[in-house]
C-alpha atoms as a PDB file:
ATOM      1  CA  UNK A   1      26.243  -5.897  -5.561  1.00  0.00           C
ATOM      2  CA  UNK A   2      23.951  -2.966  -4.312  1.00  0.00           C
ATOM      3  CA  UNK A   3      26.477   0.050  -4.235  1.00  0.00           C
ATOM      4  CA  UNK A   4      26.475   2.563  -1.362  1.00  0.00           C
ATOM      5  CA  UNK A   5      28.596   5.924  -1.455  1.00  0.00           C
ATOM      6  CA  UNK A   6      29.055   6.715   1.853  1.00  0.00           C
ATOM      7  CA  UNK A   7      27.723  10.771   1.437  1.00  0.00           C
ATOM      8  CA  UNK A   8      24.017   8.925   0.681  1.00  0.00           C
ATOM      9  CA  UNK A   9      21.524   7.303   2.778  1.00  0.00           C
ATOM     10  CA  UNK A  10      20.846   4.482   0.509  1.00  0.00           C
ATOM     11  CA  UNK A  11      21.907   1.723  -2.268  1.00  0.00           C
ATOM     12  CA  UNK A  12      22.711   1.926  -5.831  1.00  0.00           C
ATOM     13  CA  UNK A  13      20.805  -0.632  -7.835  1.00  0.00           C
ATOM     14  CA  UNK A  14      20.814  -2.635 -10.824  1.00  0.00           C
ATOM     15  CA  UNK A  15      17.946  -3.745 -13.065  1.00  0.00           C
ATOM     16  CA  UNK A  16      19.355  -7.436 -12.170  1.00  0.00           C
ATOM     17  CA  UNK A  17      19.578  -6.506  -8.971  1.00  0.00           C
ATOM     18  CA  UNK A  18      16.163  -5.185  -8.828  1.00  0.00           C
ATOM     19  CA  UNK A  19      14.743  -8.397 -10.080  1.00  0.00           C
ATOM     20  CA  UNK A  20      16.289 -10.357  -7.739  1.00  0.00           C
ATOM     21  CA  UNK A  21      15.020  -7.987  -4.667  1.00  0.00           C
ATOM     22  CA  UNK A  22      11.236  -7.856  -5.985  1.00  0.00           C
ATOM     23  CA  UNK A  23      11.550 -11.926  -6.323  1.00  0.00           C
ATOM     24  CA  UNK A  24      12.199 -11.868  -2.306  1.00  0.00           C
ATOM     25  CA  UNK A  25       9.328  -9.570  -1.481  1.00  0.00           C
ATOM     26  CA  UNK A  26      11.277  -5.874  -1.528  1.00  0.00           C
ATOM     27  CA  UNK A  27       8.867  -2.813  -2.388  1.00  0.00           C
ATOM     28  CA  UNK A  28       8.321  -0.412  -5.383  1.00  0.00           C
ATOM     29  CA  UNK A  29       7.967   2.724  -4.853  1.00  0.00           C
ATOM     30  CA  UNK A  30       7.853   5.486  -8.428  1.00  0.00           C
ATOM     31  CA  UNK A  31       8.610   8.866  -7.325  1.00  0.00           C
ATOM     32  CA  UNK A  32       7.344  10.280 -11.057  1.00  0.00           C
ATOM     33  CA  UNK A  33       4.283  11.988 -11.078  1.00  0.00           C
ATOM     34  CA  UNK A  34       0.950  10.449 -12.222  1.00  0.00           C
ATOM     35  CA  UNK A  35       0.977  11.706 -16.031  1.00  0.00           C
ATOM     36  CA  UNK A  36       4.709   9.708 -15.699  1.00  0.00           C
ATOM     37  CA  UNK A  37       2.823   6.597 -14.156  1.00  0.00           C
ATOM     38  CA  UNK A  38       0.166   6.117 -16.085  1.00  0.00           C
ATOM     39  CA  UNK A  39       2.925   5.844 -19.235  1.00  0.00           C
ATOM     40  CA  UNK A  40       4.398   2.624 -17.557  1.00  0.00           C
ATOM     41  CA  UNK A  41       5.091   1.813 -14.251  1.00  0.00           C
ATOM     42  CA  UNK A  42       7.388  -1.128 -12.658  1.00  0.00           C
ATOM     43  CA  UNK A  43       4.468  -3.967 -11.739  1.00  0.00           C
ATOM     44  CA  UNK A  44       3.310  -3.155  -8.658  1.00  0.00           C
ATOM     45  CA  UNK A  45       4.675  -0.007  -8.305  1.00  0.00           C
ATOM     46  CA  UNK A  46       2.905   2.347  -6.023  1.00  0.00           C
ATOM     47  CA  UNK A  47       3.011   5.809  -6.198  1.00  0.00           C
ATOM     48  CA  UNK A  48       4.047   8.781  -4.482  1.00  0.00           C
ATOM     49  CA  UNK A  49       5.322  11.428  -5.997  1.00  0.00           C
ATOM     50  CA  UNK A  50       9.239  13.076  -5.183  1.00  0.00           C
ATOM     51  CA  UNK A  51       7.723  16.240  -3.832  1.00  0.00           C
ATOM     52  CA  UNK A  52       5.057  13.812  -1.161  1.00  0.00           C
ATOM     53  CA  UNK A  53       7.134  11.548  -0.228  1.00  0.00           C
ATOM     54  CA  UNK A  54       8.488  13.192   3.180  1.00  0.00           C
ATOM     55  CA  UNK A  55       4.519  14.324   3.604  1.00  0.00           C
ATOM     56  CA  UNK A  56       3.130  11.041   3.087  1.00  0.00           C
ATOM     57  CA  UNK A  57       5.611   9.264   4.454  1.00  0.00           C
ATOM     58  CA  UNK A  58       3.252   6.644   7.090  1.00  0.00           C
ATOM     59  CA  UNK A  59       2.590   5.326   3.615  1.00  0.00           C
ATOM     60  CA  UNK A  60       6.021   3.858   3.413  1.00  0.00           C
ATOM     61  CA  UNK A  61       6.216   0.149   3.686  1.00  0.00           C
ATOM     62  CA  UNK A  62       7.718  -0.658   7.332  1.00  0.00           C
ATOM     63  CA  UNK A  63       8.988  -3.755   6.994  1.00  0.00           C
ATOM     64  CA  UNK A  64      11.186  -5.026   4.241  1.00  0.00           C
ATOM     65  CA  UNK A  65      13.069  -3.072   1.262  1.00  0.00           C
ATOM     66  CA  UNK A  66      12.253  -0.300  -0.155  1.00  0.00           C
ATOM     67  CA  UNK A  67      13.768  -0.049  -4.343  1.00  0.00           C
ATOM     68  CA  UNK A  68      12.364   3.926  -4.957  1.00  0.00           C
ATOM     69  CA  UNK A  69      12.530   4.293  -9.362  1.00  0.00           C
ATOM     70  CA  UNK A  70      11.778   7.760 -11.231  1.00  0.00           C
ATOM     71  CA  UNK A  71      12.292   8.241 -15.079  1.00  0.00           C
ATOM     72  CA  UNK A  72      15.769   7.802 -14.870  1.00  0.00           C
ATOM     73  CA  UNK A  73      17.254   7.639 -11.338  1.00  0.00           C
ATOM     74  CA  UNK A  74      17.513  11.504  -9.870  1.00  0.00           C
ATOM     75  CA  UNK A  75      14.359  11.725  -8.378  1.00  0.00           C
ATOM     76  CA  UNK A  76      14.080   8.232  -6.925  1.00  0.00           C
ATOM     77  CA  UNK A  77      17.315   9.912  -5.247  1.00  0.00           C
ATOM     78  CA  UNK A  78      15.838  12.790  -3.663  1.00  0.00           C
ATOM     79  CA  UNK A  79      13.073  10.404  -3.014  1.00  0.00           C
ATOM     80  CA  UNK A  80      15.671   7.972  -0.913  1.00  0.00           C
ATOM     81  CA  UNK A  81      17.291  10.998   1.052  1.00  0.00           C
ATOM     82  CA  UNK A  82      13.640  12.164   1.870  1.00  0.00           C
ATOM     83  CA  UNK A  83      12.410   8.247   3.236  1.00  0.00           C
ATOM     84  CA  UNK A  84      15.924   8.332   5.020  1.00  0.00           C
ATOM     85  CA  UNK A  85      15.555  12.182   6.663  1.00  0.00           C
ATOM     86  CA  UNK A  86      11.484  10.488   7.953  1.00  0.00           C
ATOM     87  CA  UNK A  87      13.496   7.769  10.005  1.00  0.00           C
ATOM     88  CA  UNK A  88      13.967   5.186   7.296  1.00  0.00           C
ATOM     89  CA  UNK A  89      17.268   3.357   7.895  1.00  0.00           C
ATOM     90  CA  UNK A  90      19.841   3.244   4.743  1.00  0.00           C
ATOM     91  CA  UNK A  91      19.779  -0.753   4.599  1.00  0.00           C
ATOM     92  CA  UNK A  92      16.401  -1.045   3.621  1.00  0.00           C
ATOM     93  CA  UNK A  93      16.603   2.070   0.619  1.00  0.00           C
ATOM     94  CA  UNK A  94      17.746   1.312  -2.758  1.00  0.00           C
ATOM     95  CA  UNK A  95      17.554   3.454  -6.191  1.00  0.00           C
ATOM     96  CA  UNK A  96      17.421   2.021  -9.012  1.00  0.00           C
ATOM     97  CA  UNK A  97      19.963   3.356 -11.607  1.00  0.00           C
ATOM     98  CA  UNK A  98      18.624   4.186 -14.686  1.00  0.00           C
ATOM     99  CA  UNK A  99      15.090   4.047 -13.303  1.00  0.00           C
ATOM    100  CA  UNK A 100      11.932   2.863 -15.405  1.00  0.00           C
ATOM    101  CA  UNK A 101      14.151   3.790 -18.440  1.00  0.00           C
ATOM    102  CA  UNK A 102      16.158   1.199 -18.263  1.00  0.00           C
ATOM    103  CA  UNK A 103      14.010  -1.028 -16.506  1.00  0.00           C
ATOM    104  CA  UNK A 104      11.849  -0.743 -19.933  1.00  0.00           C
ATOM    105  CA  UNK A 105      15.378  -1.246 -21.833  1.00  0.00           C
ATOM    106  CA  UNK A 106      16.144  -4.008 -20.327  1.00  0.00           C
ATOM    107  CA  UNK A 107      12.961  -5.440 -21.330  1.00  0.00           C
ATOM    108  CA  UNK A 108      11.213  -5.981 -18.233  1.00  0.00           C
ATOM    109  CA  UNK A 109       7.423  -5.934 -18.533  1.00  0.00           C
ATOM    110  CA  UNK A 110       5.334  -2.958 -17.110  1.00  0.00           C
ATOM    111  CA  UNK A 111       1.857  -2.023 -15.909  1.00  0.00           C
ATOM    112  CA  UNK A 112      -0.424   0.649 -16.875  1.00  0.00           C
ATOM    113  CA  UNK A 113      -3.877   1.630 -15.652  1.00  0.00           C
ATOM    114  CA  UNK A 114      -6.766   0.280 -17.247  1.00  0.00           C
END
């Protein structure tokens, strides 16, 4: 079950929870740098480096849940904060705990650019 710290404008989720959310139409935003994204990312993830999330807020999905992911979960939490500052509500913002590293460790597939 997603966890919500009252001081954070987002929920924290596990890989299993992310998989369930993805099967229900959630979108993924990878906030790593392009060279990190190129090494492998959650299938279907769009890339918006964390330093650009607020400036590129118009590119964030307008409906449905958004899962932010990075390498280990810290930058994606910051990405969630920026999305909240851009006006997105906490009920649509989710941070993948453990990031791409946890995704891979769980045996989940990754995409790499061709």
